[in-house]
Structures are given as C-alpha cells and as structure tokens.
C-alpha cells in the first residue's frame, strides 16, 4: 500500500487531469528536417500549448516525442535526450505545473534522465513488468535496472508511472496473467502508479478494467488513452486521466491543440469529479 498520498502531494488535487504535449519531429528522427522546426519553434509551440492547458485548469503536463516515428526500441540517441531536456526545462520555467516525461518507445532510463535535467516530476514508462510484443518488437521488463538507475543518479523524487497491458502491443505471451495481476506485479516492483489504456492511441480503456485495477492495488491508477468529455464520468475510479488526442483539432493527435476542446475537457472533468480549478 502506498504510504504517501501521491496524487495530492504531486498534483495538489485528489484527482489529476494531465495534458499531453506531443513534440514535433526531433533531431535524428525520419520526420525531422534540418532547421525546420528549430529548437526555438519546438519550445514556442510546447510553451503555448502548456499555457493553454494551465488556463483551462489542467493539473499537470507531459512531454512525449510522439512524432519521432518509427520509434526505436528501448533506446534513443543523445540528441533526443538533450532536445527533450531543453524543451522540458523551458516548459517548466514558463508554466509552473508538474511535468511528466515519456520517451518512445520504452526508453525509460532516458525519460528519467530528461525529467531530472528539466525539473520534471514523473515519468511514464513501458515494459516495467512482464514482456510484451510492441510495434518495435519484444519489450522486456526493466523494473529492476530502471529503479536502480533512478537511485544511482539520485532521482528518487521522480515518480514512475508504469503502463500495464499497454496499447499498441500484443500480450499473448502473458495471456494467463490478467490486468489486475499485472498491476499487482508493478506495485510489488515498486512502481509509483500504473496506467491503463485502450488498444491504441485515442481508444478508450475499459472502465470495468480500470475499476478492477483500482480495487486490486494500493497505488494510483491512471487512464492513459481515449479520454473524452463524453466518457470522463465512466472513469470515476481512476486517480488521474492523461489526455491528448481528444483535445486536438478534429480529435487527431497529429493536429494542433484546440483551446475550445481543452476547456471542454477540463469542464467535463470538474463536473464529473466535483473538483475545482
């Protein structure tokens, strides 16, 4: 059982609404074109979107190298770590909300390194316990080395939130281990929280699974895909919601942020949870 109230301590609220900042193609990725956009344009876009989330009443932010597809498996180059750290630092300077980091795909040590360098508060990690087959290939569990790395660099203050039975993956090799047992394994391996998703980006999780996981573990449970203003009330059992696609123009993660959709999402969250700004 988590002895410290992670959600209120980290986010200042009993339940958290977290807005995604999908960074454009970073240096080294196939989509990156030299000088376009420059690091300054990456920063400008990220800060503008962060301010939009804050103005609407979101409680935290998360940066992710979403446009770096196709992703490497469990690693990225130093150019990605450096760039994300610089962008993250500027977001933290401009918008005083807790910042999370995810580095695709399953580059979990790199995510912790970015979070430490930029002043972040938490990371979202893949493949924390059990193995799964992702788009990038076989992703193996790394809880042991990851938390030892966190300790080695003095980053115990960075919370680790682990995806379980994550999206864009096949879990046939662990079909005999249900999602609740997977969550219990992540808790046993000292995750600070777990994340439940649907099958892919923009697809909703199963509310019954989310409820079952919250009843099965004593650490925070987040929903990490498919949250919309229309279904937010179905996830009342979750401690936090991570929102991305539904607050973009036309509900497409590749599009710019839609301030009207951001505000609608924040209003729906407050109405469903009875919380204030």
C-alpha atoms as a PDB file:
ATOM      1  CA  UNK A   1       0.000   0.000   0.000  1.00  0.00           C
ATOM      2  CA  UNK A   2       1.306   3.466  -0.894  1.00  0.00           C
ATOM      3  CA  UNK A   3       2.180   5.156   2.382  1.00  0.00           C
ATOM      4  CA  UNK A   4       2.329   8.657   0.881  1.00  0.00           C
ATOM      5  CA  UNK A   5      -0.660  10.314  -0.822  1.00  0.00           C
ATOM      6  CA  UNK A   6       0.976  10.504  -4.245  1.00  0.00           C
ATOM      7  CA  UNK A   7      -1.766  12.317  -6.135  1.00  0.00           C
ATOM      8  CA  UNK A   8      -2.403  15.205  -3.682  1.00  0.00           C
ATOM      9  CA  UNK A   9       1.306  15.554  -2.955  1.00  0.00           C
ATOM     10  CA  UNK A  10       2.349  15.651  -6.596  1.00  0.00           C
ATOM     11  CA  UNK A  11      -0.603  17.375  -8.244  1.00  0.00           C
ATOM     12  CA  UNK A  12      -2.220  19.323  -5.421  1.00  0.00           C
ATOM     13  CA  UNK A  13      -5.602  17.713  -6.103  1.00  0.00           C
ATOM     14  CA  UNK A  14      -7.318  14.443  -5.115  1.00  0.00           C
ATOM     15  CA  UNK A  15      -7.595  13.548  -8.819  1.00  0.00           C
ATOM     16  CA  UNK A  16      -5.395  14.787 -11.642  1.00  0.00           C
ATOM     17  CA  UNK A  17      -6.023  15.868 -15.223  1.00  0.00           C
ATOM     18  CA  UNK A  18      -2.818  15.677 -17.270  1.00  0.00           C
ATOM     19  CA  UNK A  19      -2.381  17.290 -20.698  1.00  0.00           C
ATOM     20  CA  UNK A  20      -0.083  15.831 -23.354  1.00  0.00           C
ATOM     21  CA  UNK A  21       2.457  17.934 -25.239  1.00  0.00           C
ATOM     22  CA  UNK A  22       3.283  15.972 -28.400  1.00  0.00           C
ATOM     23  CA  UNK A  23       6.645  17.354 -29.513  1.00  0.00           C
ATOM     24  CA  UNK A  24       7.320  17.675 -33.237  1.00  0.00           C
ATOM     25  CA  UNK A  25       9.920  15.522 -35.016  1.00  0.00           C
ATOM     26  CA  UNK A  26      13.168  15.802 -33.074  1.00  0.00           C
ATOM     27  CA  UNK A  27      16.740  15.672 -34.439  1.00  0.00           C
ATOM     28  CA  UNK A  28      17.648  12.223 -35.694  1.00  0.00           C
ATOM     29  CA  UNK A  29      14.083  11.113 -36.455  1.00  0.00           C
ATOM     30  CA  UNK A  30      12.937  10.422 -40.045  1.00  0.00           C
ATOM     31  CA  UNK A  31      10.405  13.242 -39.889  1.00  0.00           C
ATOM     32  CA  UNK A  32      12.928  15.863 -38.825  1.00  0.00           C
ATOM     33  CA  UNK A  33      14.165  18.325 -41.425  1.00  0.00           C
ATOM     34  CA  UNK A  34      17.309  20.254 -40.569  1.00  0.00           C
ATOM     35  CA  UNK A  35      16.375  23.648 -39.200  1.00  0.00           C
ATOM     36  CA  UNK A  36      12.625  23.089 -39.585  1.00  0.00           C
ATOM     37  CA  UNK A  37      11.355  23.434 -36.989  1.00  0.00           C
ATOM     38  CA  UNK A  38      14.246  24.812 -34.971  1.00  0.00           C
ATOM     39  CA  UNK A  39      14.570  24.132 -31.256  1.00  0.00           C
ATOM     40  CA  UNK A  40      13.110  27.592 -30.647  1.00  0.00           C
ATOM     41  CA  UNK A  41       9.955  26.693 -32.555  1.00  0.00           C
ATOM     42  CA  UNK A  42       9.632  23.435 -30.619  1.00  0.00           C
ATOM     43  CA  UNK A  43       9.880  25.433 -27.396  1.00  0.00           C
ATOM     44  CA  UNK A  44       7.407  28.093 -28.546  1.00  0.00           C
ATOM     45  CA  UNK A  45       4.806  25.508 -29.503  1.00  0.00           C
ATOM     46  CA  UNK A  46       5.237  23.473 -26.313  1.00  0.00           C
ATOM     47  CA  UNK A  47       5.034  26.528 -24.058  1.00  0.00           C
ATOM     48  CA  UNK A  48       1.969  27.870 -25.873  1.00  0.00           C
ATOM     49  CA  UNK A  49       0.171  24.538 -25.506  1.00  0.00           C
ATOM     50  CA  UNK A  50       1.244  24.254 -21.858  1.00  0.00           C
ATOM     51  CA  UNK A  51      -0.232  27.688 -21.157  1.00  0.00           C
ATOM     52  CA  UNK A  52      -3.482  26.638 -22.851  1.00  0.00           C
ATOM     53  CA  UNK A  53      -3.742  23.610 -20.571  1.00  0.00           C
ATOM     54  CA  UNK A  54      -2.988  25.683 -17.481  1.00  0.00           C
ATOM     55  CA  UNK A  55      -5.544  28.353 -18.389  1.00  0.00           C
ATOM     56  CA  UNK A  56      -8.221  25.674 -18.724  1.00  0.00           C
ATOM     57  CA  UNK A  57      -7.434  24.234 -15.302  1.00  0.00           C
ATOM     58  CA  UNK A  58      -5.383  21.117 -16.052  1.00  0.00           C
ATOM     59  CA  UNK A  59      -3.245  19.962 -13.132  1.00  0.00           C
ATOM     60  CA  UNK A  60      -0.122  18.665 -14.896  1.00  0.00           C
ATOM     61  CA  UNK A  61       1.596  18.276 -18.260  1.00  0.00           C
ATOM     62  CA  UNK A  62       3.570  15.594 -20.049  1.00  0.00           C
ATOM     63  CA  UNK A  63       6.044  15.848 -22.937  1.00  0.00           C
ATOM     64  CA  UNK A  64       6.461  12.990 -25.392  1.00  0.00           C
ATOM     65  CA  UNK A  65       8.402  12.511 -28.640  1.00  0.00           C
ATOM     66  CA  UNK A  66       5.262  11.318 -30.421  1.00  0.00           C
ATOM     67  CA  UNK A  67       6.344  12.496 -33.882  1.00  0.00           C
ATOM     68  CA  UNK A  68       9.628  10.554 -33.843  1.00  0.00           C
ATOM     69  CA  UNK A  69       8.059   7.551 -35.581  1.00  0.00           C
ATOM     70  CA  UNK A  70       9.029   4.879 -36.332  1.00  0.00           C
ATOM     71  CA  UNK A  71      10.308   4.504 -32.795  1.00  0.00           C
ATOM     72  CA  UNK A  72      13.446   2.793 -31.616  1.00  0.00           C
ATOM     73  CA  UNK A  73      13.024   0.015 -29.078  1.00  0.00           C
ATOM     74  CA  UNK A  74      14.106   0.833 -25.521  1.00  0.00           C
ATOM     75  CA  UNK A  75      16.616   3.448 -26.599  1.00  0.00           C
ATOM     76  CA  UNK A  76      17.039   6.839 -28.241  1.00  0.00           C
ATOM     77  CA  UNK A  77      20.069   8.870 -29.245  1.00  0.00           C
ATOM     78  CA  UNK A  78      21.631  11.555 -27.043  1.00  0.00           C
ATOM     79  CA  UNK A  79      20.267  14.201 -29.408  1.00  0.00           C
ATOM     80  CA  UNK A  80      16.699  13.271 -28.374  1.00  0.00           C
ATOM     81  CA  UNK A  81      17.536  13.313 -24.660  1.00  0.00           C
ATOM     82  CA  UNK A  82      19.235  16.700 -24.990  1.00  0.00           C
ATOM     83  CA  UNK A  83      16.452  18.245 -27.043  1.00  0.00           C
ATOM     84  CA  UNK A  84      13.662  16.991 -24.810  1.00  0.00           C
ATOM     85  CA  UNK A  85      15.517  18.207 -21.716  1.00  0.00           C
ATOM     86  CA  UNK A  86      15.871  21.710 -23.187  1.00  0.00           C
ATOM     87  CA  UNK A  87      12.215  21.860 -24.226  1.00  0.00           C
ATOM     88  CA  UNK A  88      11.062  20.465 -20.903  1.00  0.00           C
ATOM     89  CA  UNK A  89      13.130  22.977 -18.979  1.00  0.00           C
ATOM     90  CA  UNK A  90      11.566  25.883 -20.842  1.00  0.00           C
ATOM     91  CA  UNK A  91       8.077  24.480 -20.250  1.00  0.00           C
ATOM     92  CA  UNK A  92       8.827  24.196 -16.520  1.00  0.00           C
ATOM     93  CA  UNK A  93      10.107  27.780 -16.431  1.00  0.00           C
ATOM     94  CA  UNK A  94       7.055  29.151 -18.209  1.00  0.00           C
ATOM     95  CA  UNK A  95       4.253  27.076 -16.693  1.00  0.00           C
ATOM     96  CA  UNK A  96       4.506  26.046 -13.022  1.00  0.00           C
ATOM     97  CA  UNK A  97       2.697  22.721 -13.284  1.00  0.00           C
ATOM     98  CA  UNK A  98       4.166  19.271 -12.580  1.00  0.00           C
ATOM     99  CA  UNK A  99       5.766  17.945 -15.761  1.00  0.00           C
ATOM    100  CA  UNK A 100       5.983  14.309 -16.806  1.00  0.00           C
ATOM    101  CA  UNK A 101       8.182  12.742 -19.467  1.00  0.00           C
ATOM    102  CA  UNK A 102       7.715   9.788 -21.793  1.00  0.00           C
ATOM    103  CA  UNK A 103      10.381   8.830 -24.318  1.00  0.00           C
ATOM    104  CA  UNK A 104       9.180   6.470 -27.033  1.00  0.00           C
ATOM    105  CA  UNK A 105       9.490   3.659 -27.286  1.00  0.00           C
ATOM    106  CA  UNK A 106      10.210   2.263 -23.815  1.00  0.00           C
ATOM    107  CA  UNK A 107      13.303   4.446 -23.462  1.00  0.00           C
ATOM    108  CA  UNK A 108      12.661   4.530 -19.744  1.00  0.00           C
ATOM    109  CA  UNK A 109      16.097   5.405 -18.391  1.00  0.00           C
ATOM    110  CA  UNK A 110      16.288   8.247 -20.889  1.00  0.00           C
ATOM    111  CA  UNK A 111      12.904   9.507 -19.654  1.00  0.00           C
ATOM    112  CA  UNK A 112      14.210   9.670 -16.101  1.00  0.00           C
ATOM    113  CA  UNK A 113      17.329  11.476 -17.301  1.00  0.00           C
ATOM    114  CA  UNK A 114      15.221  14.058 -19.151  1.00  0.00           C
ATOM    115  CA  UNK A 115      12.966  14.545 -16.125  1.00  0.00           C
ATOM    116  CA  UNK A 116      15.935  15.142 -13.834  1.00  0.00           C
ATOM    117  CA  UNK A 117      17.564  17.600 -16.244  1.00  0.00           C
ATOM    118  CA  UNK A 118      14.446  19.652 -16.954  1.00  0.00           C
ATOM    119  CA  UNK A 119      12.908  19.742 -13.487  1.00  0.00           C
ATOM    120  CA  UNK A 120      10.187  17.211 -14.186  1.00  0.00           C
ATOM    121  CA  UNK A 121       8.215  15.344 -11.548  1.00  0.00           C
ATOM    122  CA  UNK A 122       7.287  11.984 -13.046  1.00  0.00           C
ATOM    123  CA  UNK A 123       7.804   9.629 -15.975  1.00  0.00           C
ATOM    124  CA  UNK A 124       5.547   7.297 -17.923  1.00  0.00           C
ATOM    125  CA  UNK A 125       7.290   4.029 -18.682  1.00  0.00           C
ATOM    126  CA  UNK A 126       6.570   0.960 -20.814  1.00  0.00           C
ATOM    127  CA  UNK A 127       7.575  -2.629 -20.147  1.00  0.00           C
ATOM    128  CA  UNK A 128       8.062  -2.146 -16.430  1.00  0.00           C
ATOM    129  CA  UNK A 129       6.907  -5.674 -15.579  1.00  0.00           C
ATOM    130  CA  UNK A 130       6.379  -8.672 -17.869  1.00  0.00           C
ATOM    131  CA  UNK A 131       7.312  -8.716 -21.534  1.00  0.00           C
ATOM    132  CA  UNK A 132       5.099  -7.758 -24.462  1.00  0.00           C
ATOM    133  CA  UNK A 133       5.390  -7.516 -28.217  1.00  0.00           C
ATOM    134  CA  UNK A 134       5.123  -3.900 -29.363  1.00  0.00           C
ATOM    135  CA  UNK A 135       5.271  -2.362 -32.835  1.00  0.00           C
ATOM    136  CA  UNK A 136       9.017  -2.108 -32.296  1.00  0.00           C
ATOM    137  CA  UNK A 137       9.493  -5.747 -31.286  1.00  0.00           C
ATOM    138  CA  UNK A 138       9.868  -7.583 -27.997  1.00  0.00           C
ATOM    139  CA  UNK A 139       9.952  -5.233 -24.995  1.00  0.00           C
ATOM    140  CA  UNK A 140      11.265  -6.905 -21.860  1.00  0.00           C
ATOM    141  CA  UNK A 141      10.635  -5.951 -18.239  1.00  0.00           C
ATOM    142  CA  UNK A 142      13.080  -3.434 -16.777  1.00  0.00           C
ATOM    143  CA  UNK A 143      11.809  -2.551 -13.293  1.00  0.00           C
ATOM    144  CA  UNK A 144      14.994  -3.807 -11.609  1.00  0.00           C
ATOM    145  CA  UNK A 145      17.568  -1.918 -13.675  1.00  0.00           C
ATOM    146  CA  UNK A 146      15.328   1.136 -14.070  1.00  0.00           C
ATOM    147  CA  UNK A 147      14.812   1.764 -10.355  1.00  0.00           C
ATOM    148  CA  UNK A 148      18.490   1.073  -9.684  1.00  0.00           C
ATOM    149  CA  UNK A 149      19.337   3.682 -12.315  1.00  0.00           C
ATOM    150  CA  UNK A 150      16.946   6.127 -10.657  1.00  0.00           C
ATOM    151  CA  UNK A 151      18.699   5.562  -7.332  1.00  0.00           C
ATOM    152  CA  UNK A 152      22.167   5.779  -8.853  1.00  0.00           C
ATOM    153  CA  UNK A 153      21.562   9.294 -10.199  1.00  0.00           C
ATOM    154  CA  UNK A 154      19.768  10.493  -7.061  1.00  0.00           C
ATOM    155  CA  UNK A 155      16.392  10.785  -8.774  1.00  0.00           C
ATOM    156  CA  UNK A 156      14.138   9.070  -6.232  1.00  0.00           C
ATOM    157  CA  UNK A 157      11.902  12.160  -6.334  1.00  0.00           C
ATOM    158  CA  UNK A 158      10.918  11.313  -9.926  1.00  0.00           C
ATOM    159  CA  UNK A 159       7.742   9.214  -9.723  1.00  0.00           C
ATOM    160  CA  UNK A 160       7.498   6.209 -12.047  1.00  0.00           C
ATOM    161  CA  UNK A 161       4.051   5.525 -13.531  1.00  0.00           C
ATOM    162  CA  UNK A 162       4.015   2.256 -15.464  1.00  0.00           C
ATOM    163  CA  UNK A 163       1.806   1.205 -18.348  1.00  0.00           C
ATOM    164  CA  UNK A 164       0.282  -2.251 -17.881  1.00  0.00           C
ATOM    165  CA  UNK A 165      -1.044  -4.315 -20.799  1.00  0.00           C
ATOM    166  CA  UNK A 166      -0.218  -1.210 -22.808  1.00  0.00           C
ATOM    167  CA  UNK A 167      -1.693  -0.015 -26.077  1.00  0.00           C
ATOM    168  CA  UNK A 168      -0.162  -0.782 -29.492  1.00  0.00           C
ATOM    169  CA  UNK A 169       1.031  -4.142 -28.182  1.00  0.00           C
ATOM    170  CA  UNK A 170       0.274  -7.837 -28.173  1.00  0.00           C
ATOM    171  CA  UNK A 171       0.045  -9.515 -24.788  1.00  0.00           C
ATOM    172  CA  UNK A 172      -0.422 -13.082 -25.985  1.00  0.00           C
ATOM    173  CA  UNK A 173       2.712 -14.216 -24.167  1.00  0.00           C
ATOM    174  CA  UNK A 174       1.159 -13.108 -20.853  1.00  0.00           C
ATOM    175  CA  UNK A 175      -2.430 -14.035 -21.676  1.00  0.00           C
ATOM    176  CA  UNK A 176      -2.597 -16.134 -18.495  1.00  0.00           C
ATOM    177  CA  UNK A 177      -1.810 -13.036 -16.379  1.00  0.00           C
ATOM    178  CA  UNK A 178      -4.773 -10.674 -16.198  1.00  0.00           C
ATOM    179  CA  UNK A 179      -4.525  -6.915 -15.906  1.00  0.00           C
ATOM    180  CA  UNK A 180      -5.132  -6.855 -12.155  1.00  0.00           C
ATOM    181  CA  UNK A 181      -2.318  -9.342 -11.530  1.00  0.00           C
ATOM    182  CA  UNK A 182      -0.100  -7.301 -13.834  1.00  0.00           C
ATOM    183  CA  UNK A 183      -0.895  -4.202 -11.778  1.00  0.00           C
ATOM    184  CA  UNK A 184      -0.094  -6.087  -8.582  1.00  0.00           C
ATOM    185  CA  UNK A 185       3.242  -7.113 -10.070  1.00  0.00           C
ATOM    186  CA  UNK A 186       4.021  -3.477 -10.898  1.00  0.00           C
ATOM    187  CA  UNK A 187       3.116  -2.483  -7.343  1.00  0.00           C
ATOM    188  CA  UNK A 188       5.344  -5.248  -5.959  1.00  0.00           C
ATOM    189  CA  UNK A 189       8.150  -3.953  -8.200  1.00  0.00           C
ATOM    190  CA  UNK A 190       7.755  -0.505  -6.572  1.00  0.00           C
ATOM    191  CA  UNK A 191       6.013   1.428  -9.329  1.00  0.00           C
ATOM    192  CA  UNK A 192       4.566   4.686  -8.014  1.00  0.00           C
ATOM    193  CA  UNK A 193       1.418   4.197 -10.097  1.00  0.00           C
ATOM    194  CA  UNK A 194       0.024   2.238 -13.039  1.00  0.00           C
ATOM    195  CA  UNK A 195      -1.583   3.304 -16.302  1.00  0.00           C
ATOM    196  CA  UNK A 196      -4.441   1.503 -18.047  1.00  0.00           C
ATOM    197  CA  UNK A 197      -5.069   2.100 -21.757  1.00  0.00           C
ATOM    198  CA  UNK A 198      -7.210   1.005 -24.654  1.00  0.00           C
ATOM    199  CA  UNK A 199      -5.893  -0.860 -27.691  1.00  0.00           C
ATOM    200  CA  UNK A 200      -4.339   2.181 -29.363  1.00  0.00           C
ATOM    201  CA  UNK A 201      -3.923   5.955 -29.196  1.00  0.00           C
ATOM    202  CA  UNK A 202      -7.324   7.622 -28.904  1.00  0.00           C
ATOM    203  CA  UNK A 203      -9.126   4.387 -27.987  1.00  0.00           C
ATOM    204  CA  UNK A 204     -10.739   4.304 -24.575  1.00  0.00           C
ATOM    205  CA  UNK A 205      -9.792   1.903 -21.828  1.00  0.00           C
ATOM    206  CA  UNK A 206     -12.361  -0.481 -20.393  1.00  0.00           C
ATOM    207  CA  UNK A 207     -13.986   1.242 -17.378  1.00  0.00           C
ATOM    208  CA  UNK A 208     -14.529  -2.129 -15.689  1.00  0.00           C
ATOM    209  CA  UNK A 209     -10.829  -2.943 -16.006  1.00  0.00           C
ATOM    210  CA  UNK A 210      -9.909   0.432 -14.539  1.00  0.00           C
ATOM    211  CA  UNK A 211     -12.230  -0.141 -11.596  1.00  0.00           C
ATOM    212  CA  UNK A 212     -10.847  -3.652 -11.049  1.00  0.00           C
ATOM    213  CA  UNK A 213      -7.272  -2.390 -11.064  1.00  0.00           C
ATOM    214  CA  UNK A 214      -8.036   0.386  -8.562  1.00  0.00           C
ATOM    215  CA  UNK A 215      -9.571  -2.199  -6.243  1.00  0.00           C
ATOM    216  CA  UNK A 216      -6.616  -4.532  -6.666  1.00  0.00           C
ATOM    217  CA  UNK A 217      -3.726  -2.222  -5.851  1.00  0.00           C
ATOM    218  CA  UNK A 218      -2.890   0.449  -3.313  1.00  0.00           C
ATOM    219  CA  UNK A 219      -1.039   2.766  -5.711  1.00  0.00           C
ATOM    220  CA  UNK A 220      -2.559   5.397  -8.022  1.00  0.00           C
ATOM    221  CA  UNK A 221      -4.243   4.252 -11.226  1.00  0.00           C
ATOM    222  CA  UNK A 222      -4.297   6.441 -14.332  1.00  0.00           C
ATOM    223  CA  UNK A 223      -6.178   6.131 -17.602  1.00  0.00           C
ATOM    224  CA  UNK A 224      -3.804   6.751 -20.493  1.00  0.00           C
ATOM    225  CA  UNK A 225      -5.854   6.805 -23.695  1.00  0.00           C
ATOM    226  CA  UNK A 226      -9.230   7.635 -25.168  1.00  0.00           C
ATOM    227  CA  UNK A 227     -10.478  10.121 -22.575  1.00  0.00           C
ATOM    228  CA  UNK A 228     -13.140  12.496 -23.930  1.00  0.00           C
ATOM    229  CA  UNK A 229     -15.597  14.911 -22.315  1.00  0.00           C
ATOM    230  CA  UNK A 230     -18.333  12.404 -23.055  1.00  0.00           C
ATOM    231  CA  UNK A 231     -16.769   9.424 -21.254  1.00  0.00           C
ATOM    232  CA  UNK A 232     -14.832  11.051 -18.435  1.00  0.00           C
ATOM    233  CA  UNK A 233     -17.517  10.195 -15.890  1.00  0.00           C
ATOM    234  CA  UNK A 234     -17.103   6.483 -16.683  1.00  0.00           C
ATOM    235  CA  UNK A 235     -13.619   6.576 -15.185  1.00  0.00           C
ATOM    236  CA  UNK A 236     -14.541   7.898 -11.758  1.00  0.00           C
ATOM    237  CA  UNK A 237     -12.457   5.154 -10.148  1.00  0.00           C
ATOM    238  CA  UNK A 238      -9.206   6.445 -11.666  1.00  0.00           C
ATOM    239  CA  UNK A 239      -6.850   8.730  -9.767  1.00  0.00           C
ATOM    240  CA  UNK A 240      -5.715  10.558 -12.881  1.00  0.00           C
ATOM    241  CA  UNK A 241      -6.528  10.977 -16.570  1.00  0.00           C
ATOM    242  CA  UNK A 242      -3.946  11.578 -19.298  1.00  0.00           C
ATOM    243  CA  UNK A 243      -5.479  13.455 -22.239  1.00  0.00           C
ATOM    244  CA  UNK A 244      -4.083  14.012 -25.726  1.00  0.00           C
ATOM    245  CA  UNK A 245      -5.961  13.153 -28.917  1.00  0.00           C
ATOM    246  CA  UNK A 246      -9.419  14.387 -27.919  1.00  0.00           C
ATOM    247  CA  UNK A 247      -8.189  17.938 -27.296  1.00  0.00           C
ATOM    248  CA  UNK A 248      -6.556  18.260 -30.700  1.00  0.00           C
ATOM    249  CA  UNK A 249      -8.280  19.706 -33.750  1.00  0.00           C
ATOM    250  CA  UNK A 250     -10.657  17.076 -35.210  1.00  0.00           C
ATOM    251  CA  UNK A 251      -9.610  14.759 -32.368  1.00  0.00           C
ATOM    252  CA  UNK A 252      -6.421  13.844 -34.289  1.00  0.00           C
ATOM    253  CA  UNK A 253      -3.178  13.659 -32.289  1.00  0.00           C
ATOM    254  CA  UNK A 254      -1.236  14.943 -35.317  1.00  0.00           C
ATOM    255  CA  UNK A 255      -3.133  18.247 -35.313  1.00  0.00           C
ATOM    256  CA  UNK A 256      -2.551  21.370 -33.203  1.00  0.00           C
ATOM    257  CA  UNK A 257      -4.175  21.757 -29.809  1.00  0.00           C
ATOM    258  CA  UNK A 258      -7.766  23.057 -29.860  1.00  0.00           C
ATOM    259  CA  UNK A 259      -8.266  25.530 -26.973  1.00  0.00           C
ATOM    260  CA  UNK A 260     -12.049  25.064 -27.086  1.00  0.00           C
ATOM    261  CA  UNK A 261     -11.685  21.292 -26.778  1.00  0.00           C
ATOM    262  CA  UNK A 262      -9.157  21.726 -23.955  1.00  0.00           C
ATOM    263  CA  UNK A 263     -11.586  23.876 -21.989  1.00  0.00           C
ATOM    264  CA  UNK A 264     -14.466  21.483 -22.655  1.00  0.00           C
ATOM    265  CA  UNK A 265     -12.370  18.592 -21.362  1.00  0.00           C
ATOM    266  CA  UNK A 266     -11.411  20.487 -18.205  1.00  0.00           C
ATOM    267  CA  UNK A 267     -15.024  21.493 -17.570  1.00  0.00           C
ATOM    268  CA  UNK A 268     -16.223  17.905 -18.043  1.00  0.00           C
ATOM    269  CA  UNK A 269     -13.563  16.645 -15.623  1.00  0.00           C
ATOM    270  CA  UNK A 270     -14.629  19.136 -12.957  1.00  0.00           C
ATOM    271  CA  UNK A 271     -18.284  18.298 -13.440  1.00  0.00           C
ATOM    272  CA  UNK A 272     -17.613  14.564 -13.202  1.00  0.00           C
ATOM    273  CA  UNK A 273     -15.336  14.749 -10.172  1.00  0.00           C
ATOM    274  CA  UNK A 274     -16.803  17.655  -8.255  1.00  0.00           C
ATOM    275  CA  UNK A 275     -13.368  19.262  -8.117  1.00  0.00           C
ATOM    276  CA  UNK A 276     -12.400  22.884  -8.590  1.00  0.00           C
ATOM    277  CA  UNK A 277      -9.592  24.522 -10.522  1.00  0.00           C
END
